[in-house]
PDB file of N, CA and C in Angstrom:
ATOM      1  N   MET A   1       0.876  -1.320  -0.052  1.00  0.00           N
ATOM      2  CA  MET A   1      -0.119  -0.017  -0.039  1.00  0.00           C
ATOM      3  C   MET A   1       0.819   1.163   0.089  1.00  0.00           C
ATOM      4  N   LYS A   2       0.397   1.988  -0.868  1.00  0.00           N
ATOM      5  CA  LYS A   2       1.294   3.508  -0.919  1.00  0.00           C
ATOM      6  C   LYS A   2       0.865   4.622   0.140  1.00  0.00           C
ATOM      7  N   LYS A   3       1.391   4.834   1.140  1.00  0.00           N
ATOM      8  CA  LYS A   3       1.237   5.976   2.071  1.00  0.00           C
ATOM      9  C   LYS A   3       1.671   7.209   1.857  1.00  0.00           C
ATOM     10  N   ILE A   4       0.336   7.809   1.783  1.00  0.00           N
ATOM     11  CA  ILE A   4       0.068   9.561   0.891  1.00  0.00           C
ATOM     12  C   ILE A   4      -0.163  10.223   2.060  1.00  0.00           C
ATOM     13  N   SER A   5      -0.119   9.679   3.409  1.00  0.00           N
ATOM     14  CA  SER A   5       0.212  11.287   4.583  1.00  0.00           C
ATOM     15  C   SER A   5       0.569  10.226   5.416  1.00  0.00           C
ATOM     16  N   PRO A   6       0.597  10.868   6.786  1.00  0.00           N
ATOM     17  CA  PRO A   6       0.890  10.136   8.039  1.00  0.00           C
ATOM     18  C   PRO A   6       0.009   8.927   8.451  1.00  0.00           C
ATOM     19  N   ASN A   7      -1.210   9.426   8.405  1.00  0.00           N
ATOM     20  CA  ASN A   7      -1.885   8.254   8.699  1.00  0.00           C
ATOM     21  C   ASN A   7      -3.272   7.416   7.790  1.00  0.00           C
ATOM     22  N   PHE A   8      -3.032   7.881   5.966  1.00  0.00           N
ATOM     23  CA  PHE A   8      -3.594   7.493   5.312  1.00  0.00           C
ATOM     24  C   PHE A   8      -2.668   7.066   3.532  1.00  0.00           C
ATOM     25  N   HIS A   9      -3.578   5.859   3.629  1.00  0.00           N
ATOM     26  CA  HIS A   9      -2.543   5.068   2.415  1.00  0.00           C
ATOM     27  C   HIS A   9      -3.370   5.246   0.975  1.00  0.00           C
ATOM     28  N   GLU A  10      -2.771   5.659  -0.025  1.00  0.00           N
ATOM     29  CA  GLU A  10      -3.777   5.737  -1.305  1.00  0.00           C
ATOM     30  C   GLU A  10      -4.903   4.834  -1.528  1.00  0.00           C
ATOM     31  N   GLU A  11      -5.026   3.361  -1.541  1.00  0.00           N
ATOM     32  CA  GLU A  11      -5.830   2.768  -1.634  1.00  0.00           C
ATOM     33  C   GLU A  11      -7.266   3.025  -0.874  1.00  0.00           C
ATOM     34  N   GLU A  12      -7.275   3.923   0.292  1.00  0.00           N
ATOM     35  CA  GLU A  12      -8.019   3.868   0.983  1.00  0.00           C
ATOM     36  C   GLU A  12      -8.938   4.656  -0.089  1.00  0.00           C
ATOM     37  N   PHE A  13      -8.460   5.622  -0.619  1.00  0.00           N
ATOM     38  CA  PHE A  13      -9.745   6.701  -1.534  1.00  0.00           C
ATOM     39  C   PHE A  13      -9.662   6.026  -2.860  1.00  0.00           C
ATOM     40  N   ALA A  14      -9.736   4.772  -3.344  1.00  0.00           N
ATOM     41  CA  ALA A  14     -10.109   4.502  -4.653  1.00  0.00           C
ATOM     42  C   ALA A  14     -11.333   4.090  -4.628  1.00  0.00           C
ATOM     43  N   CYS A  15     -11.566   4.276  -5.965  1.00  0.00           N
ATOM     44  CA  CYS A  15     -13.195   4.243  -6.409  1.00  0.00           C
ATOM     45  C   CYS A  15     -13.379   2.378  -5.836  1.00  0.00           C
ATOM     46  N   LYS A  16     -14.603   2.928  -5.463  1.00  0.00           N
ATOM     47  CA  LYS A  16     -15.048   1.066  -4.567  1.00  0.00           C
ATOM     48  C   LYS A  16     -15.250   0.404  -5.398  1.00  0.00           C
ATOM     49  N   CYS A  17     -15.920   0.488  -7.063  1.00  0.00           N
ATOM     50  CA  CYS A  17     -16.111  -0.252  -7.778  1.00  0.00           C
ATOM     51  C   CYS A  17     -14.966  -1.403  -8.326  1.00  0.00           C
ATOM     52  N   GLY A  18     -13.703  -1.054  -7.724  1.00  0.00           N
ATOM     53  CA  GLY A  18     -12.658  -2.197  -8.178  1.00  0.00           C
ATOM     54  C   GLY A  18     -12.069  -1.684  -9.563  1.00  0.00           C
ATOM     55  N   CYS A  19     -12.417  -0.369  -9.980  1.00  0.00           N
ATOM     56  CA  CYS A  19     -11.730  -0.157 -11.502  1.00  0.00           C
ATOM     57  C   CYS A  19     -10.609   0.419 -11.682  1.00  0.00           C
ATOM     58  N   GLY A  20     -10.016   0.597 -10.179  1.00  0.00           N
ATOM     59  CA  GLY A  20      -8.638   1.274 -10.254  1.00  0.00           C
ATOM     60  C   GLY A  20      -8.478   2.328 -10.184  1.00  0.00           C
ATOM     61  N   LEU A  21      -9.672   3.343 -10.239  1.00  0.00           N
ATOM     62  CA  LEU A  21      -9.181   4.942 -10.210  1.00  0.00           C
ATOM     63  C   LEU A  21      -9.023   5.185  -8.829  1.00  0.00           C
ATOM     64  N   SER A  22      -7.860   6.038  -8.326  1.00  0.00           N
ATOM     65  CA  SER A  22      -7.607   6.579  -7.153  1.00  0.00           C
ATOM     66  C   SER A  22      -7.291   8.135  -7.332  1.00  0.00           C
ATOM     67  N   GLY A  23      -6.942   8.588  -6.035  1.00  0.00           N
ATOM     68  CA  GLY A  23      -6.040   9.955  -5.984  1.00  0.00           C
ATOM     69  C   GLY A  23      -7.594  10.710  -5.110  1.00  0.00           C
ATOM     70  N   ILE A  24      -6.606  11.375  -4.446  1.00  0.00           N
ATOM     71  CA  ILE A  24      -7.183  12.651  -3.708  1.00  0.00           C
ATOM     72  C   ILE A  24      -7.011  13.887  -3.568  1.00  0.00           C
ATOM     73  N   ASP A  25      -7.603  14.903  -3.736  1.00  0.00           N
ATOM     74  CA  ASP A  25      -7.136  16.194  -3.427  1.00  0.00           C
ATOM     75  C   ASP A  25      -6.012  16.477  -2.353  1.00  0.00           C
ATOM     76  N   PRO A  26      -4.630  16.969  -2.389  1.00  0.00           N
ATOM     77  CA  PRO A  26      -4.255  17.606  -1.116  1.00  0.00           C
ATOM     78  C   PRO A  26      -4.713  18.156  -0.152  1.00  0.00           C
ATOM     79  N   GLU A  27      -5.629  19.196  -0.602  1.00  0.00           N
ATOM     80  CA  GLU A  27      -6.463  20.162   0.351  1.00  0.00           C
ATOM     81  C   GLU A  27      -7.359  19.058   0.884  1.00  0.00           C
ATOM     82  N   LEU A  28      -8.046  18.252   0.564  1.00  0.00           N
ATOM     83  CA  LEU A  28      -9.000  17.144   1.031  1.00  0.00           C
ATOM     84  C   LEU A  28      -8.040  16.201   2.024  1.00  0.00           C
ATOM     85  N   LEU A  29      -7.072  16.150   1.707  1.00  0.00           N
ATOM     86  CA  LEU A  29      -6.241  15.186   2.347  1.00  0.00           C
ATOM     87  C   LEU A  29      -5.742  15.385   3.896  1.00  0.00           C
ATOM     88  N   TYR A  30      -5.783  17.018   3.434  1.00  0.00           N
ATOM     89  CA  TYR A  30      -4.698  17.442   4.565  1.00  0.00           C
ATOM     90  C   TYR A  30      -5.988  17.870   5.952  1.00  0.00           C
ATOM     91  N   ALA A  31      -7.165  17.871   5.013  1.00  0.00           N
ATOM     92  CA  ALA A  31      -8.417  18.560   6.010  1.00  0.00           C
ATOM     93  C   ALA A  31      -8.796  16.982   6.747  1.00  0.00           C
ATOM     94  N   LEU A  32      -8.517  15.845   5.961  1.00  0.00           N
ATOM     95  CA  LEU A  32      -8.589  14.159   6.802  1.00  0.00           C
ATOM     96  C   LEU A  32      -7.623  14.255   7.750  1.00  0.00           C
ATOM     97  N   GLU A  33      -6.833  14.351   7.789  1.00  0.00           N
ATOM     98  CA  GLU A  33      -5.496  14.702   8.571  1.00  0.00           C
ATOM     99  C   GLU A  33      -5.842  15.098  10.195  1.00  0.00           C
ATOM    100  N   CYS A  34      -6.963  16.748   9.549  1.00  0.00           N
ATOM    101  CA  CYS A  34      -6.828  17.092  10.687  1.00  0.00           C
ATOM    102  C   CYS A  34      -8.090  16.622  11.320  1.00  0.00           C
ATOM    103  N   VAL A  35      -8.911  16.163  10.999  1.00  0.00           N
ATOM    104  CA  VAL A  35      -9.994  15.136  11.418  1.00  0.00           C
ATOM    105  C   VAL A  35      -9.357  14.425  11.998  1.00  0.00           C
ATOM    106  N   ARG A  36      -8.644  13.085  11.574  1.00  0.00           N
ATOM    107  CA  ARG A  36      -7.952  12.263  12.736  1.00  0.00           C
ATOM    108  C   ARG A  36      -7.348  12.811  13.854  1.00  0.00           C
ATOM    109  N   GLU A  37      -6.563  14.072  13.718  1.00  0.00           N
ATOM    110  CA  GLU A  37      -5.609  14.756  14.879  1.00  0.00           C
ATOM    111  C   GLU A  37      -6.652  15.255  15.889  1.00  0.00           C
ATOM    112  N   LYS A  38      -8.115  15.814  15.436  1.00  0.00           N
ATOM    113  CA  LYS A  38      -8.809  16.196  16.545  1.00  0.00           C
ATOM    114  C   LYS A  38      -9.090  15.167  17.378  1.00  0.00           C
ATOM    115  N   PHE A  39      -9.892  14.331  16.831  1.00  0.00           N
ATOM    116  CA  PHE A  39     -10.651  12.726  17.368  1.00  0.00           C
ATOM    117  C   PHE A  39      -9.617  11.950  17.713  1.00  0.00           C
ATOM    118  N   LYS A  40      -8.533  12.088  17.339  1.00  0.00           N
ATOM    119  CA  LYS A  40      -7.291  10.804  18.286  1.00  0.00           C
ATOM    120  C   LYS A  40      -7.759   9.655  17.628  1.00  0.00           C
ATOM    121  N   ALA A  41      -8.714   9.098  16.628  1.00  0.00           N
ATOM    122  CA  ALA A  41      -9.215   8.060  16.387  1.00  0.00           C
ATOM    123  C   ALA A  41      -9.212   7.945  14.514  1.00  0.00           C
ATOM    124  N   PRO A  42      -9.220   6.472  14.265  1.00  0.00           N
ATOM    125  CA  PRO A  42      -9.355   6.378  12.667  1.00  0.00           C
ATOM    126  C   PRO A  42     -10.427   6.692  12.028  1.00  0.00           C
ATOM    127  N   VAL A  43     -10.065   7.133  10.989  1.00  0.00           N
ATOM    128  CA  VAL A  43     -11.046   7.827  10.342  1.00  0.00           C
ATOM    129  C   VAL A  43     -10.939   7.161   8.627  1.00  0.00           C
ATOM    130  N   THR A  44     -12.330   6.547   8.363  1.00  0.00           N
ATOM    131  CA  THR A  44     -12.301   5.883   7.409  1.00  0.00           C
ATOM    132  C   THR A  44     -13.413   6.506   6.479  1.00  0.00           C
ATOM    133  N   ALA A  45     -12.778   6.334   5.123  1.00  0.00           N
ATOM    134  CA  ALA A  45     -13.474   7.106   3.970  1.00  0.00           C
ATOM    135  C   ALA A  45     -14.431   6.084   3.252  1.00  0.00           C
ATOM    136  N   THR A  46     -15.496   5.703   3.716  1.00  0.00           N
ATOM    137  CA  THR A  46     -16.716   4.986   3.139  1.00  0.00           C
ATOM    138  C   THR A  46     -16.652   4.970   1.711  1.00  0.00           C
ATOM    139  N   SER A  47     -16.755   6.106   1.211  1.00  0.00           N
ATOM    140  CA  SER A  47     -16.605   6.679  -0.449  1.00  0.00           C
ATOM    141  C   SER A  47     -15.464   7.856  -0.759  1.00  0.00           C
ATOM    142  N   ALA A  48     -15.131   7.385  -1.500  1.00  0.00           N
ATOM    143  CA  ALA A  48     -14.054   8.312  -1.666  1.00  0.00           C
ATOM    144  C   ALA A  48     -14.079   8.856  -3.263  1.00  0.00           C
ATOM    145  N   ARG A  49     -12.831   8.755  -3.694  1.00  0.00           N
ATOM    146  CA  ARG A  49     -12.991   9.035  -5.313  1.00  0.00           C
ATOM    147  C   ARG A  49     -13.841   7.750  -6.290  1.00  0.00           C
ATOM    148  N   ARG A  50     -15.011   8.116  -7.189  1.00  0.00           N
ATOM    149  CA  ARG A  50     -15.369   7.628  -8.056  1.00  0.00           C
ATOM    150  C   ARG A  50     -15.445   7.480  -9.447  1.00  0.00           C
ATOM    151  N   CYS A  51     -15.394   6.793  -9.875  1.00  0.00           N
ATOM    152  CA  CYS A  51     -15.184   6.941 -11.265  1.00  0.00           C
ATOM    153  C   CYS A  51     -16.823   7.134 -11.794  1.00  0.00           C
ATOM    154  N   GLU A  52     -17.299   7.589 -13.135  1.00  0.00           N
ATOM    155  CA  GLU A  52     -18.488   7.804 -13.733  1.00  0.00           C
ATOM    156  C   GLU A  52     -19.603   6.934 -13.114  1.00  0.00           C
ATOM    157  N   LYS A  53     -19.104   5.659 -13.572  1.00  0.00           N
ATOM    158  CA  LYS A  53     -20.040   4.843 -13.454  1.00  0.00           C
ATOM    159  C   LYS A  53     -20.177   4.047 -12.345  1.00  0.00           C
ATOM    160  N   HIS A  54     -19.832   4.236 -11.381  1.00  0.00           N
ATOM    161  CA  HIS A  54     -19.786   3.582 -10.169  1.00  0.00           C
ATOM    162  C   HIS A  54     -20.868   5.093  -9.357  1.00  0.00           C
ATOM    163  N   ASN A  55     -20.292   6.379  -9.766  1.00  0.00           N
ATOM    164  CA  ASN A  55     -20.932   7.572  -9.077  1.00  0.00           C
ATOM    165  C   ASN A  55     -22.712   7.169  -9.705  1.00  0.00           C
ATOM    166  N   ARG A  56     -22.930   6.755 -11.067  1.00  0.00           N
ATOM    167  CA  ARG A  56     -24.349   6.657 -11.377  1.00  0.00           C
ATOM    168  C   ARG A  56     -24.944   5.765 -10.467  1.00  0.00           C
ATOM    169  N   THR A  57     -24.125   4.218 -10.520  1.00  0.00           N
ATOM    170  CA  THR A  57     -24.572   3.355  -9.704  1.00  0.00           C
ATOM    171  C   THR A  57     -25.203   3.788  -8.217  1.00  0.00           C
ATOM    172  N   VAL A  58     -24.214   4.167  -8.025  1.00  0.00           N
ATOM    173  CA  VAL A  58     -24.931   4.875  -6.080  1.00  0.00           C
ATOM    174  C   VAL A  58     -25.420   5.859  -5.781  1.00  0.00           C
ATOM    175  N   GLY A  59     -26.017   6.531  -6.907  1.00  0.00           N
ATOM    176  CA  GLY A  59     -26.918   7.630  -7.298  1.00  0.00           C
ATOM    177  C   GLY A  59     -26.497   9.490  -6.599  1.00  0.00           C
ATOM    178  N   GLY A  60     -25.050   8.948  -7.067  1.00  0.00           N
ATOM    179  CA  GLY A  60     -24.317  10.308  -6.919  1.00  0.00           C
ATOM    180  C   GLY A  60     -24.905  11.190  -7.897  1.00  0.00           C
ATOM    181  N   ALA A  61     -24.406  13.024  -7.422  1.00  0.00           N
ATOM    182  CA  ALA A  61     -24.738  13.923  -8.431  1.00  0.00           C
ATOM    183  C   ALA A  61     -24.233  13.925  -9.289  1.00  0.00           C
ATOM    184  N   GLU A  62     -24.285  14.340 -10.956  1.00  0.00           N
ATOM    185  CA  GLU A  62     -23.490  14.413 -11.822  1.00  0.00           C
ATOM    186  C   GLU A  62     -22.394  14.835 -11.466  1.00  0.00           C
ATOM    187  N   GLU A  63     -22.222  16.031 -10.892  1.00  0.00           N
ATOM    188  CA  GLU A  63     -21.002  16.966 -10.812  1.00  0.00           C
ATOM    189  C   GLU A  63     -20.438  16.582 -10.076  1.00  0.00           C
ATOM    190  N   SER A  64     -20.469  15.384  -9.131  1.00  0.00           N
ATOM    191  CA  SER A  64     -20.397  15.111  -7.702  1.00  0.00           C
ATOM    192  C   SER A  64     -18.645  15.246  -7.321  1.00  0.00           C
ATOM    193  N   PHE A  65     -17.930  15.980  -6.479  1.00  0.00           N
ATOM    194  CA  PHE A  65     -16.751  16.332  -6.179  1.00  0.00           C
ATOM    195  C   PHE A  65     -16.130  14.779  -6.111  1.00  0.00           C
ATOM    196  N   HIS A  66     -16.825  13.992  -5.940  1.00  0.00           N
ATOM    197  CA  HIS A  66     -16.092  12.629  -5.682  1.00  0.00           C
ATOM    198  C   HIS A  66     -15.643  12.422  -6.979  1.00  0.00           C
ATOM    199  N   LEU A  67     -15.902  12.614  -8.640  1.00  0.00           N
ATOM    200  CA  LEU A  67     -15.408  12.449  -9.474  1.00  0.00           C
ATOM    201  C   LEU A  67     -13.953  12.761 -10.209  1.00  0.00           C
ATOM    202  N   THR A  68     -14.046  14.263  -8.926  1.00  0.00           N
ATOM    203  CA  THR A  68     -12.291  14.615  -9.144  1.00  0.00           C
ATOM    204  C   THR A  68     -11.425  14.147  -7.932  1.00  0.00           C
ATOM    205  N   GLY A  69     -11.576  13.359  -7.019  1.00  0.00           N
ATOM    206  CA  GLY A  69     -10.973  13.837  -5.740  1.00  0.00           C
ATOM    207  C   GLY A  69     -11.206  14.404  -4.950  1.00  0.00           C
ATOM    208  N   LYS A  70     -12.099  15.185  -4.947  1.00  0.00           N
ATOM    209  CA  LYS A  70     -12.473  16.596  -3.896  1.00  0.00           C
ATOM    210  C   LYS A  70     -13.459  16.440  -2.799  1.00  0.00           C
ATOM    211  N   ALA A  71     -14.045  14.619  -2.656  1.00  0.00           N
ATOM    212  CA  ALA A  71     -14.967  14.909  -1.600  1.00  0.00           C
ATOM    213  C   ALA A  71     -14.346  13.270  -1.083  1.00  0.00           C
ATOM    214  N   ALA A  72     -14.929  13.276   0.043  1.00  0.00           N
ATOM    215  CA  ALA A  72     -15.386  11.975   1.103  1.00  0.00           C
ATOM    216  C   ALA A  72     -16.535  11.972   1.554  1.00  0.00           C
ATOM    217  N   ASP A  73     -16.455  10.228   1.899  1.00  0.00           N
ATOM    218  CA  ASP A  73     -17.868  10.252   2.980  1.00  0.00           C
ATOM    219  C   ASP A  73     -16.749   9.294   3.971  1.00  0.00           C
ATOM    220  N   ILE A  74     -17.109  10.126   5.540  1.00  0.00           N
ATOM    221  CA  ILE A  74     -16.508   9.662   6.176  1.00  0.00           C
ATOM    222  C   ILE A  74     -17.332   9.154   7.406  1.00  0.00           C
ATOM    223  N   VAL A  75     -16.598   8.216   8.162  1.00  0.00           N
ATOM    224  CA  VAL A  75     -16.798   8.103   9.810  1.00  0.00           C
ATOM    225  C   VAL A  75     -15.065   7.595  10.657  1.00  0.00           C
ATOM    226  N   VAL A  76     -15.873   8.174  11.992  1.00  0.00           N
ATOM    227  CA  VAL A  76     -14.522   8.815  13.063  1.00  0.00           C
ATOM    228  C   VAL A  76     -15.350   7.424  13.823  1.00  0.00           C
ATOM    229  N   LYS A  77     -13.928   6.833  14.278  1.00  0.00           N
ATOM    230  CA  LYS A  77     -14.376   5.341  15.086  1.00  0.00           C
ATOM    231  C   LYS A  77     -14.436   5.922  16.139  1.00  0.00           C
ATOM    232  N   GLY A  78     -15.975   5.549  16.460  1.00  0.00           N
ATOM    233  CA  GLY A  78     -16.554   5.853  18.277  1.00  0.00           C
ATOM    234  C   GLY A  78     -16.709   7.212  18.329  1.00  0.00           C
ATOM    235  N   VAL A  79     -17.047   7.908  17.444  1.00  0.00           N
ATOM    236  CA  VAL A  79     -17.086   9.403  17.139  1.00  0.00           C
ATOM    237  C   VAL A  79     -18.305   9.723  16.367  1.00  0.00           C
ATOM    238  N   PRO A  80     -19.499   9.950  17.218  1.00  0.00           N
ATOM    239  CA  PRO A  80     -21.168  10.450  16.355  1.00  0.00           C
ATOM    240  C   PRO A  80     -20.732  11.616  15.492  1.00  0.00           C
ATOM    241  N   ALA A  81     -21.372  11.227  14.192  1.00  0.00           N
ATOM    242  CA  ALA A  81     -21.754  11.787  12.992  1.00  0.00           C
ATOM    243  C   ALA A  81     -21.452  13.044  13.384  1.00  0.00           C
ATOM    244  N   ALA A  82     -22.549  13.658  13.977  1.00  0.00           N
ATOM    245  CA  ALA A  82     -23.100  14.939  13.990  1.00  0.00           C
ATOM    246  C   ALA A  82     -21.854  15.802  14.716  1.00  0.00           C
ATOM    247  N   ASN A  83     -20.784  15.141  15.878  1.00  0.00           N
ATOM    248  CA  ASN A  83     -19.884  15.684  15.934  1.00  0.00           C
ATOM    249  C   ASN A  83     -18.534  15.767  15.423  1.00  0.00           C
ATOM    250  N   VAL A  84     -18.589  14.958  14.058  1.00  0.00           N
ATOM    251  CA  VAL A  84     -17.196  15.052  13.095  1.00  0.00           C
ATOM    252  C   VAL A  84     -17.958  16.025  12.242  1.00  0.00           C
ATOM    253  N   ALA A  85     -18.985  16.422  11.570  1.00  0.00           N
ATOM    254  CA  ALA A  85     -19.522  17.478  10.974  1.00  0.00           C
ATOM    255  C   ALA A  85     -19.734  18.539  11.817  1.00  0.00           C
ATOM    256  N   ASP A  86     -19.774  18.743  13.121  1.00  0.00           N
ATOM    257  CA  ASP A  86     -19.472  20.004  13.706  1.00  0.00           C
ATOM    258  C   ASP A  86     -17.859  20.987  13.395  1.00  0.00           C
ATOM    259  N   TYR A  87     -17.192  19.721  13.663  1.00  0.00           N
ATOM    260  CA  TYR A  87     -15.492  19.668  13.387  1.00  0.00           C
ATOM    261  C   TYR A  87     -15.163  20.140  11.797  1.00  0.00           C
ATOM    262  N   CYS A  88     -15.594  19.467  11.378  1.00  0.00           N
ATOM    263  CA  CYS A  88     -15.137  19.954   9.832  1.00  0.00           C
ATOM    264  C   CYS A  88     -16.638  20.979   9.145  1.00  0.00           C
ATOM    265  N   GLU A  89     -17.205  21.546   9.725  1.00  0.00           N
ATOM    266  CA  GLU A  89     -18.132  22.895   9.483  1.00  0.00           C
ATOM    267  C   GLU A  89     -16.365  23.652   9.797  1.00  0.00           C
ATOM    268  N   SER A  90     -16.325  23.468  11.183  1.00  0.00           N
ATOM    269  CA  SER A  90     -15.609  24.362  11.645  1.00  0.00           C
ATOM    270  C   SER A  90     -14.168  24.811  10.825  1.00  0.00           C
ATOM    271  N   LEU A  91     -13.736  23.264  10.562  1.00  0.00           N
ATOM    272  CA  LEU A  91     -12.456  23.451   9.436  1.00  0.00           C
ATOM    273  C   LEU A  91     -12.590  24.021   8.149  1.00  0.00           C
ATOM    274  N   ILE A  92     -13.286  23.423   7.351  1.00  0.00           N
ATOM    275  CA  ILE A  92     -13.594  23.949   6.107  1.00  0.00           C
ATOM    276  C   ILE A  92     -13.996  24.934   5.652  1.00  0.00           C
ATOM    277  N   ARG A  93     -14.908  25.525   6.588  1.00  0.00           N
ATOM    278  CA  ARG A  93     -15.469  27.242   6.768  1.00  0.00           C
ATOM    279  C   ARG A  93     -16.362  27.310   5.217  1.00  0.00           C
ATOM    280  N   ASP A  94     -15.471  28.213   4.368  1.00  0.00           N
ATOM    281  CA  ASP A  94     -16.213  28.441   3.639  1.00  0.00           C
ATOM    282  C   ASP A  94     -15.351  28.224   1.881  1.00  0.00           C
ATOM    283  N   ARG A  95     -14.490  27.261   2.792  1.00  0.00           N
ATOM    284  CA  ARG A  95     -13.880  26.482   1.429  1.00  0.00           C
ATOM    285  C   ARG A  95     -14.395  25.215   0.806  1.00  0.00           C
ATOM    286  N   GLY A  96     -15.543  25.006   1.158  1.00  0.00           N
ATOM    287  CA  GLY A  96     -15.970  23.495   0.969  1.00  0.00           C
ATOM    288  C   GLY A  96     -17.336  23.309   1.577  1.00  0.00           C
ATOM    289  N   GLY A  97     -17.589  21.855   1.196  1.00  0.00           N
ATOM    290  CA  GLY A  97     -19.051  21.678   1.234  1.00  0.00           C
ATOM    291  C   GLY A  97     -18.852  20.696   2.843  1.00  0.00           C
ATOM    292  N   VAL A  98     -19.922  20.555   3.758  1.00  0.00           N
ATOM    293  CA  VAL A  98     -20.380  19.611   4.737  1.00  0.00           C
ATOM    294  C   VAL A  98     -21.585  19.009   4.517  1.00  0.00           C
ATOM    295  N   GLY A  99     -21.723  18.060   4.432  1.00  0.00           N
ATOM    296  CA  GLY A  99     -22.704  17.198   3.974  1.00  0.00           C
ATOM    297  C   GLY A  99     -23.390  16.259   5.627  1.00  0.00           C
ATOM    298  N   ARG A 100     -24.659  16.470   6.428  1.00  0.00           N
ATOM    299  CA  ARG A 100     -24.857  15.485   7.641  1.00  0.00           C
ATOM    300  C   ARG A 100     -25.859  14.574   7.088  1.00  0.00           C
ATOM    301  N   TYR A 101     -25.269  13.399   7.451  1.00  0.00           N
ATOM    302  CA  TYR A 101     -25.923  12.226   7.356  1.00  0.00           C
ATOM    303  C   TYR A 101     -26.119  11.317   8.524  1.00  0.00           C
ATOM    304  N   PRO A 102     -26.936  10.379   8.476  1.00  0.00           N
ATOM    305  CA  PRO A 102     -27.425   9.714   9.609  1.00  0.00           C
ATOM    306  C   PRO A 102     -26.012   8.485   9.396  1.00  0.00           C
ATOM    307  N   GLY A 103     -25.008   8.488  10.277  1.00  0.00           N
ATOM    308  CA  GLY A 103     -24.124   7.774  10.380  1.00  0.00           C
ATOM    309  C   GLY A 103     -22.443   8.233   9.803  1.00  0.00           C
ATOM    310  N   PHE A 104     -22.633   9.125   8.717  1.00  0.00           N
ATOM    311  CA  PHE A 104     -21.431   9.449   8.509  1.00  0.00           C
ATOM    312  C   PHE A 104     -21.475  11.246   8.084  1.00  0.00           C
ATOM    313  N   THR A 105     -20.165  11.691   7.318  1.00  0.00           N
ATOM    314  CA  THR A 105     -19.987  12.899   7.173  1.00  0.00           C
ATOM    315  C   THR A 105     -19.692  13.024   5.730  1.00  0.00           C
ATOM    316  N   HIS A 106     -20.267  13.810   4.837  1.00  0.00           N
ATOM    317  CA  HIS A 106     -19.379  14.207   3.816  1.00  0.00           C
ATOM    318  C   HIS A 106     -18.934  15.050   3.953  1.00  0.00           C
ATOM    319  N   ILE A 107     -17.616  15.299   3.620  1.00  0.00           N
ATOM    320  CA  ILE A 107     -16.678  16.601   3.580  1.00  0.00           C
ATOM    321  C   ILE A 107     -16.234  17.218   1.822  1.00  0.00           C
ATOM    322  N   ASP A 108     -16.352  18.174   1.714  1.00  0.00           N
ATOM    323  CA  ASP A 108     -15.251  18.471   0.223  1.00  0.00           C
ATOM    324  C   ASP A 108     -14.737  19.458   0.288  1.00  0.00           C
ATOM    325  N   VAL A 109     -13.769  19.964  -0.957  1.00  0.00           N
ATOM    326  CA  VAL A 109     -13.176  21.380  -1.130  1.00  0.00           C
ATOM    327  C   VAL A 109     -13.440  21.746  -2.376  1.00  0.00           C
ATOM    328  N   ARG A 110     -14.607  21.797  -2.355  1.00  0.00           N
ATOM    329  CA  ARG A 110     -15.085  22.755  -3.736  1.00  0.00           C
ATOM    330  C   ARG A 110     -14.610  24.191  -3.929  1.00  0.00           C
ATOM    331  N   GLY A 111     -14.242  24.838  -2.974  1.00  0.00           N
ATOM    332  CA  GLY A 111     -13.610  26.110  -2.853  1.00  0.00           C
ATOM    333  C   GLY A 111     -14.848  27.178  -2.246  1.00  0.00           C
ATOM    334  N   LYS A 112     -16.128  26.686  -2.309  1.00  0.00           N
ATOM    335  CA  LYS A 112     -16.975  27.910  -1.681  1.00  0.00           C
ATOM    336  C   LYS A 112     -17.548  26.800  -0.726  1.00  0.00           C
ATOM    337  N   ARG A 113     -18.395  27.632   0.413  1.00  0.00           N
ATOM    338  CA  ARG A 113     -19.178  27.170   1.305  1.00  0.00           C
ATOM    339  C   ARG A 113     -20.938  26.253   0.243  1.00  0.00           C
ATOM    340  N   ALA A 114     -21.004  25.210   1.404  1.00  0.00           N
ATOM    341  CA  ALA A 114     -22.218  24.097   1.023  1.00  0.00           C
ATOM    342  C   ALA A 114     -22.734  23.687   2.574  1.00  0.00           C
ATOM    343  N   ARG A 115     -23.616  23.905   2.757  1.00  0.00           N
ATOM    344  CA  ARG A 115     -23.909  22.807   3.582  1.00  0.00           C
ATOM    345  C   ARG A 115     -25.220  22.056   3.459  1.00  0.00           C
ATOM    346  N   TRP A 116     -25.622  21.002   4.231  1.00  0.00           N
ATOM    347  CA  TRP A 116     -26.878  20.301   3.803  1.00  0.00           C
ATOM    348  C   TRP A 116     -26.958  19.028   4.364  1.00  0.00           C
ATOM    349  N   ARG A 117     -28.859  18.573   4.542  1.00  0.00           N
ATOM    350  CA  ARG A 117     -28.904  17.141   5.569  1.00  0.00           C
ATOM    351  C   ARG A 117     -29.045  16.231   4.503  1.00  0.00           C
ATOM    352  N   GLY A 118     -28.554  15.060   4.454  1.00  0.00           N
ATOM    353  CA  GLY A 118     -29.498  13.684   3.604  1.00  0.00           C
ATOM    354  C   GLY A 118     -30.147  13.011   4.871  1.00  0.00           C
TER     355      GLY A 118
END
């Protein structure tokens, strides 16, 4: 496995369909390292980079930031998703999106503020 930061490997962000597409925006990777440091617990990307076919299969938005490696859906071991989302909002501020879902948090580095609940 190729290590791309102190706590993450490239394979963790690969498309879940197995097509081999991978890659993560450096700003998103930095944000995820900050989340890891804040909670002192493992961060798992349940969905990160997606190919177009997999994005359609999972019902992703046509212009999803997952397609460009600028988004990840995450869970932090032992931490409620609401707490993770609260921290992500304070971290990302006006530079990205945070989606609150039951059981996971979406974070992206789209370059402008976006907030929603799923």
